[in-house]
């Protein structure tokens, strides 16, 4: 698997500050005016992993952190593993190196719990391992999502069931997107019933 070359430890330490207790990265010397000194780098990327942009290139935060802490990039035949299987948890005691074979074997033996991460537009994304479940308006909605029913058909077989308050305020509307088209599933008295709406055949 191709992995883009990482900046040097000196460059990263000049630009960023890492807190091993929280796993957060902050700007020490922001590279451009859109970054504020001291502000945390949320950088939500795909699969629940956090990213940070350095010198106009985006990198996975846990790989950047590894270089900052050790002084060297991880060897090509290894991966940085999140011990608790939460890809957004970059605390130093949660990161370790695994060889590729061990990492694949470990992943195949676990059914990962859904991971809920905030998105930059204020919504919440849900991932199960490398499977994108969906994006939700509130953290509560994201945590209550049923991964078995809310997987995006663009990447998987089951469409995302989305619910919202009906305009009449008399119930909850359920809908899905299939092949880019919105399909209305009906209006239900409660949010729970809307989430459980039967999918089209």
C-alpha atoms as a PDB file:
ATOM      1  CA  UNK A   1       0.000   0.000   0.000  1.00  0.00           C
ATOM      2  CA  UNK A   2       1.374   3.442  -0.956  1.00  0.00           C
ATOM      3  CA  UNK A   3       1.955   5.784   1.947  1.00  0.00           C
ATOM      4  CA  UNK A   4       2.859   9.387   1.201  1.00  0.00           C
ATOM      5  CA  UNK A   5       6.222  10.549   2.615  1.00  0.00           C
ATOM      6  CA  UNK A   6       5.884  12.383   5.921  1.00  0.00           C
ATOM      7  CA  UNK A   7       7.503  15.713   6.816  1.00  0.00           C
ATOM      8  CA  UNK A   8      10.536  15.601   9.083  1.00  0.00           C
ATOM      9  CA  UNK A   9      10.144  15.536  12.851  1.00  0.00           C
ATOM     10  CA  UNK A  10      11.806  18.966  13.038  1.00  0.00           C
ATOM     11  CA  UNK A  11       9.285  20.492  10.634  1.00  0.00           C
ATOM     12  CA  UNK A  12       6.309  18.945  12.419  1.00  0.00           C
ATOM     13  CA  UNK A  13       7.540  19.973  15.871  1.00  0.00           C
ATOM     14  CA  UNK A  14       8.035  23.511  14.627  1.00  0.00           C
ATOM     15  CA  UNK A  15       4.464  23.709  13.324  1.00  0.00           C
ATOM     16  CA  UNK A  16       2.566  21.603  15.844  1.00  0.00           C
ATOM     17  CA  UNK A  17       2.260  20.738  19.524  1.00  0.00           C
ATOM     18  CA  UNK A  18       1.063  17.284  20.549  1.00  0.00           C
ATOM     19  CA  UNK A  19      -0.561  16.418  23.880  1.00  0.00           C
ATOM     20  CA  UNK A  20       0.004  12.687  24.511  1.00  0.00           C
ATOM     21  CA  UNK A  21      -2.575  12.650  27.317  1.00  0.00           C
ATOM     22  CA  UNK A  22      -5.470  13.850  25.139  1.00  0.00           C
ATOM     23  CA  UNK A  23      -4.172  12.885  21.704  1.00  0.00           C
ATOM     24  CA  UNK A  24      -4.830  16.398  20.398  1.00  0.00           C
ATOM     25  CA  UNK A  25      -2.684  18.372  17.991  1.00  0.00           C
ATOM     26  CA  UNK A  26      -2.481  22.167  18.215  1.00  0.00           C
ATOM     27  CA  UNK A  27      -0.755  24.755  16.068  1.00  0.00           C
ATOM     28  CA  UNK A  28       2.491  26.114  17.481  1.00  0.00           C
ATOM     29  CA  UNK A  29       3.364  28.134  14.364  1.00  0.00           C
ATOM     30  CA  UNK A  30       0.380  28.152  11.987  1.00  0.00           C
ATOM     31  CA  UNK A  31       1.514  27.862   8.361  1.00  0.00           C
ATOM     32  CA  UNK A  32      -1.153  30.252   7.031  1.00  0.00           C
ATOM     33  CA  UNK A  33      -3.703  32.813   8.171  1.00  0.00           C
ATOM     34  CA  UNK A  34      -6.615  30.374   8.239  1.00  0.00           C
ATOM     35  CA  UNK A  35      -5.051  28.555  11.224  1.00  0.00           C
ATOM     36  CA  UNK A  36      -4.931  30.189  14.643  1.00  0.00           C
ATOM     37  CA  UNK A  37      -2.087  29.561  17.051  1.00  0.00           C
ATOM     38  CA  UNK A  38      -3.075  27.175  19.823  1.00  0.00           C
ATOM     39  CA  UNK A  39      -6.335  26.139  18.178  1.00  0.00           C
ATOM     40  CA  UNK A  40      -6.929  22.406  18.133  1.00  0.00           C
ATOM     41  CA  UNK A  41      -6.679  20.594  14.789  1.00  0.00           C
ATOM     42  CA  UNK A  42      -9.895  18.510  14.509  1.00  0.00           C
ATOM     43  CA  UNK A  43      -9.304  17.429  10.906  1.00  0.00           C
ATOM     44  CA  UNK A  44     -12.033  14.843  10.459  1.00  0.00           C
ATOM     45  CA  UNK A  45     -11.158  12.565   7.555  1.00  0.00           C
ATOM     46  CA  UNK A  46     -12.498   9.337   6.124  1.00  0.00           C
ATOM     47  CA  UNK A  47     -13.164   6.214   8.197  1.00  0.00           C
ATOM     48  CA  UNK A  48     -13.198   8.263  11.409  1.00  0.00           C
ATOM     49  CA  UNK A  49      -9.474   9.043  11.249  1.00  0.00           C
ATOM     50  CA  UNK A  50      -8.244  12.574  11.902  1.00  0.00           C
ATOM     51  CA  UNK A  51      -6.140  14.441   9.369  1.00  0.00           C
ATOM     52  CA  UNK A  52      -3.965  17.556   9.416  1.00  0.00           C
ATOM     53  CA  UNK A  53      -2.738  19.622   6.469  1.00  0.00           C
ATOM     54  CA  UNK A  54       0.950  20.505   6.490  1.00  0.00           C
ATOM     55  CA  UNK A  55       2.511  22.469   3.641  1.00  0.00           C
ATOM     56  CA  UNK A  56      -0.631  21.956   1.520  1.00  0.00           C
ATOM     57  CA  UNK A  57      -0.594  18.163   1.945  1.00  0.00           C
ATOM     58  CA  UNK A  58      -3.071  16.254   4.146  1.00  0.00           C
ATOM     59  CA  UNK A  59      -1.713  13.545   6.444  1.00  0.00           C
ATOM     60  CA  UNK A  60      -3.311  11.152   8.921  1.00  0.00           C
ATOM     61  CA  UNK A  61      -2.775  12.662  12.344  1.00  0.00           C
ATOM     62  CA  UNK A  62      -1.653   9.430  13.993  1.00  0.00           C
ATOM     63  CA  UNK A  63       1.165   9.096  11.449  1.00  0.00           C
ATOM     64  CA  UNK A  64       2.243  12.690  12.055  1.00  0.00           C
ATOM     65  CA  UNK A  65       2.137  12.068  15.802  1.00  0.00           C
ATOM     66  CA  UNK A  66       4.325   8.985  15.441  1.00  0.00           C
ATOM     67  CA  UNK A  67       7.025  11.034  13.706  1.00  0.00           C
ATOM     68  CA  UNK A  68       6.789  13.809  16.308  1.00  0.00           C
ATOM     69  CA  UNK A  69       7.142  11.354  19.190  1.00  0.00           C
ATOM     70  CA  UNK A  70       9.785   9.006  17.803  1.00  0.00           C
ATOM     71  CA  UNK A  71      11.633  11.196  15.327  1.00  0.00           C
ATOM     72  CA  UNK A  72      11.092   8.711  12.485  1.00  0.00           C
ATOM     73  CA  UNK A  73       8.223   7.565  10.227  1.00  0.00           C
ATOM     74  CA  UNK A  74       6.853   4.055  10.836  1.00  0.00           C
ATOM     75  CA  UNK A  75       8.545   1.328   8.735  1.00  0.00           C
ATOM     76  CA  UNK A  76       6.882   0.563   5.407  1.00  0.00           C
ATOM     77  CA  UNK A  77       5.862  -2.970   6.440  1.00  0.00           C
ATOM     78  CA  UNK A  78       3.983  -1.775   9.531  1.00  0.00           C
ATOM     79  CA  UNK A  79       0.821   0.111  10.404  1.00  0.00           C
ATOM     80  CA  UNK A  80      -0.024   2.285  13.396  1.00  0.00           C
ATOM     81  CA  UNK A  81      -2.809   0.535  15.284  1.00  0.00           C
ATOM     82  CA  UNK A  82      -5.371   2.171  17.577  1.00  0.00           C
ATOM     83  CA  UNK A  83      -5.518  -0.270  20.481  1.00  0.00           C
ATOM     84  CA  UNK A  84      -9.102   0.571  21.486  1.00  0.00           C
ATOM     85  CA  UNK A  85     -10.170   0.460  17.788  1.00  0.00           C
ATOM     86  CA  UNK A  86     -11.323   4.095  17.916  1.00  0.00           C
ATOM     87  CA  UNK A  87      -9.555   5.746  14.949  1.00  0.00           C
ATOM     88  CA  UNK A  88     -10.136   9.221  16.404  1.00  0.00           C
ATOM     89  CA  UNK A  89      -8.377   8.416  19.705  1.00  0.00           C
ATOM     90  CA  UNK A  90      -4.776   9.499  19.145  1.00  0.00           C
ATOM     91  CA  UNK A  91      -3.565   9.359  22.758  1.00  0.00           C
ATOM     92  CA  UNK A  92       0.003   8.114  22.795  1.00  0.00           C
ATOM     93  CA  UNK A  93      -0.807   5.112  24.998  1.00  0.00           C
ATOM     94  CA  UNK A  94      -3.452   4.078  22.445  1.00  0.00           C
ATOM     95  CA  UNK A  95      -1.039   3.868  19.491  1.00  0.00           C
ATOM     96  CA  UNK A  96       1.251   0.959  18.650  1.00  0.00           C
ATOM     97  CA  UNK A  97       3.032  -0.527  15.650  1.00  0.00           C
ATOM     98  CA  UNK A  98       1.805  -3.777  14.112  1.00  0.00           C
ATOM     99  CA  UNK A  99       3.108  -5.629  11.101  1.00  0.00           C
ATOM    100  CA  UNK A 100       0.633  -5.827   8.233  1.00  0.00           C
ATOM    101  CA  UNK A 101      -0.202  -9.505   8.714  1.00  0.00           C
ATOM    102  CA  UNK A 102      -0.990  -9.077  12.418  1.00  0.00           C
ATOM    103  CA  UNK A 103      -3.127  -6.038  11.704  1.00  0.00           C
ATOM    104  CA  UNK A 104      -5.187  -7.867   9.059  1.00  0.00           C
ATOM    105  CA  UNK A 105      -5.676 -10.879  11.347  1.00  0.00           C
ATOM    106  CA  UNK A 106      -6.718  -8.660  14.230  1.00  0.00           C
ATOM    107  CA  UNK A 107      -9.214  -6.738  12.103  1.00  0.00           C
ATOM    108  CA  UNK A 108     -10.864  -9.905  10.788  1.00  0.00           C
ATOM    109  CA  UNK A 109     -11.518 -11.233  14.304  1.00  0.00           C
ATOM    110  CA  UNK A 110     -13.372  -8.167  15.554  1.00  0.00           C
ATOM    111  CA  UNK A 111     -16.772  -6.723  14.774  1.00  0.00           C
ATOM    112  CA  UNK A 112     -16.058  -3.113  15.558  1.00  0.00           C
ATOM    113  CA  UNK A 113     -18.468  -0.968  17.483  1.00  0.00           C
ATOM    114  CA  UNK A 114     -19.718   2.131  15.616  1.00  0.00           C
ATOM    115  CA  UNK A 115     -17.484   5.203  15.952  1.00  0.00           C
ATOM    116  CA  UNK A 116     -19.183   8.622  16.189  1.00  0.00           C
ATOM    117  CA  UNK A 117     -17.124  11.666  15.158  1.00  0.00           C
ATOM    118  CA  UNK A 118     -18.069  15.349  14.719  1.00  0.00           C
ATOM    119  CA  UNK A 119     -17.985  16.824  11.222  1.00  0.00           C
ATOM    120  CA  UNK A 120     -16.765  20.334  10.456  1.00  0.00           C
ATOM    121  CA  UNK A 121     -20.247  21.461   9.312  1.00  0.00           C
ATOM    122  CA  UNK A 122     -21.758  20.667  12.715  1.00  0.00           C
ATOM    123  CA  UNK A 123     -23.190  17.261  11.849  1.00  0.00           C
ATOM    124  CA  UNK A 124     -22.025  13.869  13.148  1.00  0.00           C
ATOM    125  CA  UNK A 125     -20.552  10.986  11.139  1.00  0.00           C
ATOM    126  CA  UNK A 126     -20.785   7.317  12.078  1.00  0.00           C
ATOM    127  CA  UNK A 127     -18.269   4.659  11.022  1.00  0.00           C
ATOM    128  CA  UNK A 128     -18.019   0.958  11.733  1.00  0.00           C
ATOM    129  CA  UNK A 129     -14.426   0.035  11.071  1.00  0.00           C
ATOM    130  CA  UNK A 130     -13.855   1.194   7.480  1.00  0.00           C
ATOM    131  CA  UNK A 131     -17.573   1.200   6.676  1.00  0.00           C
ATOM    132  CA  UNK A 132     -19.284   4.580   6.439  1.00  0.00           C
ATOM    133  CA  UNK A 133     -22.666   4.371   8.181  1.00  0.00           C
ATOM    134  CA  UNK A 134     -23.983   7.886   7.618  1.00  0.00           C
ATOM    135  CA  UNK A 135     -24.119  11.525   8.708  1.00  0.00           C
ATOM    136  CA  UNK A 136     -26.612  12.793  11.278  1.00  0.00           C
ATOM    137  CA  UNK A 137     -27.829  16.169  12.530  1.00  0.00           C
ATOM    138  CA  UNK A 138     -27.135  15.521  16.210  1.00  0.00           C
ATOM    139  CA  UNK A 139     -24.784  13.354  18.252  1.00  0.00           C
ATOM    140  CA  UNK A 140     -27.829  11.684  19.810  1.00  0.00           C
ATOM    141  CA  UNK A 141     -29.147  10.656  16.387  1.00  0.00           C
ATOM    142  CA  UNK A 142     -25.701   9.357  15.410  1.00  0.00           C
ATOM    143  CA  UNK A 143     -25.325   7.238  18.543  1.00  0.00           C
ATOM    144  CA  UNK A 144     -28.822   5.795  18.152  1.00  0.00           C
ATOM    145  CA  UNK A 145     -28.280   4.871  14.508  1.00  0.00           C
ATOM    146  CA  UNK A 146     -28.578   1.192  13.738  1.00  0.00           C
ATOM    147  CA  UNK A 147     -25.540   0.291  11.594  1.00  0.00           C
ATOM    148  CA  UNK A 148     -27.382  -2.755  10.284  1.00  0.00           C
ATOM    149  CA  UNK A 149     -29.976  -0.484   8.635  1.00  0.00           C
ATOM    150  CA  UNK A 150     -28.159   2.786   7.996  1.00  0.00           C
ATOM    151  CA  UNK A 151     -25.300   1.786   5.717  1.00  0.00           C
ATOM    152  CA  UNK A 152     -24.915   3.923   2.596  1.00  0.00           C
ATOM    153  CA  UNK A 153     -25.739   2.048  -0.615  1.00  0.00           C
ATOM    154  CA  UNK A 154     -23.020   3.959  -2.465  1.00  0.00           C
ATOM    155  CA  UNK A 155     -20.526   1.755  -0.639  1.00  0.00           C
ATOM    156  CA  UNK A 156     -22.701  -1.064   0.668  1.00  0.00           C
ATOM    157  CA  UNK A 157     -25.997  -2.826   0.019  1.00  0.00           C
ATOM    158  CA  UNK A 158     -28.374  -1.145   2.461  1.00  0.00           C
ATOM    159  CA  UNK A 159     -29.447   2.502   1.998  1.00  0.00           C
ATOM    160  CA  UNK A 160     -29.320   5.078   4.784  1.00  0.00           C
ATOM    161  CA  UNK A 161     -32.609   5.593   6.623  1.00  0.00           C
ATOM    162  CA  UNK A 162     -32.954   9.273   7.541  1.00  0.00           C
ATOM    163  CA  UNK A 163     -35.687  10.830   9.648  1.00  0.00           C
ATOM    164  CA  UNK A 164     -36.848  14.379  10.307  1.00  0.00           C
ATOM    165  CA  UNK A 165     -39.752  16.202  11.863  1.00  0.00           C
ATOM    166  CA  UNK A 166     -42.693  16.450   9.476  1.00  0.00           C
ATOM    167  CA  UNK A 167     -43.490  19.996   8.350  1.00  0.00           C
ATOM    168  CA  UNK A 168     -46.904  19.674   9.968  1.00  0.00           C
ATOM    169  CA  UNK A 169     -45.162  18.810  13.275  1.00  0.00           C
ATOM    170  CA  UNK A 170     -47.554  15.878  13.538  1.00  0.00           C
ATOM    171  CA  UNK A 171     -45.023  13.118  13.117  1.00  0.00           C
ATOM    172  CA  UNK A 172     -41.684  12.012  11.693  1.00  0.00           C
ATOM    173  CA  UNK A 173     -40.813  11.541   8.025  1.00  0.00           C
ATOM    174  CA  UNK A 174     -38.600   8.636   6.965  1.00  0.00           C
ATOM    175  CA  UNK A 175     -36.652   8.634   3.698  1.00  0.00           C
ATOM    176  CA  UNK A 176     -33.711   7.021   1.976  1.00  0.00           C
ATOM    177  CA  UNK A 177     -31.512   7.829  -1.004  1.00  0.00           C
ATOM    178  CA  UNK A 178     -31.194   5.046  -3.562  1.00  0.00           C
ATOM    179  CA  UNK A 179     -28.991   5.515  -6.609  1.00  0.00           C
ATOM    180  CA  UNK A 180     -28.953   9.258  -5.917  1.00  0.00           C
ATOM    181  CA  UNK A 181     -32.767   9.572  -5.742  1.00  0.00           C
ATOM    182  CA  UNK A 182     -34.741  10.329  -2.582  1.00  0.00           C
ATOM    183  CA  UNK A 183     -37.411   7.785  -1.702  1.00  0.00           C
ATOM    184  CA  UNK A 184     -40.111   8.741   0.832  1.00  0.00           C
ATOM    185  CA  UNK A 185     -40.905   5.880   3.227  1.00  0.00           C
ATOM    186  CA  UNK A 186     -43.835   7.509   4.979  1.00  0.00           C
ATOM    187  CA  UNK A 187     -44.721   9.592   8.042  1.00  0.00           C
ATOM    188  CA  UNK A 188     -44.844   7.957  11.471  1.00  0.00           C
ATOM    189  CA  UNK A 189     -46.069   9.055  14.911  1.00  0.00           C
ATOM    190  CA  UNK A 190     -42.675   8.612  16.591  1.00  0.00           C
ATOM    191  CA  UNK A 191     -39.040   8.946  15.612  1.00  0.00           C
ATOM    192  CA  UNK A 192     -38.398   5.316  16.572  1.00  0.00           C
ATOM    193  CA  UNK A 193     -41.125   4.082  14.222  1.00  0.00           C
ATOM    194  CA  UNK A 194     -39.721   6.217  11.401  1.00  0.00           C
ATOM    195  CA  UNK A 195     -36.239   4.744  11.905  1.00  0.00           C
ATOM    196  CA  UNK A 196     -37.797   1.284  11.716  1.00  0.00           C
ATOM    197  CA  UNK A 197     -39.641   2.056   8.458  1.00  0.00           C
ATOM    198  CA  UNK A 198     -39.521  -0.884   6.027  1.00  0.00           C
ATOM    199  CA  UNK A 199     -37.148  -0.413   3.123  1.00  0.00           C
ATOM    200  CA  UNK A 200     -38.400  -0.627  -0.468  1.00  0.00           C
ATOM    201  CA  UNK A 201     -38.007  -3.953  -2.192  1.00  0.00           C
END
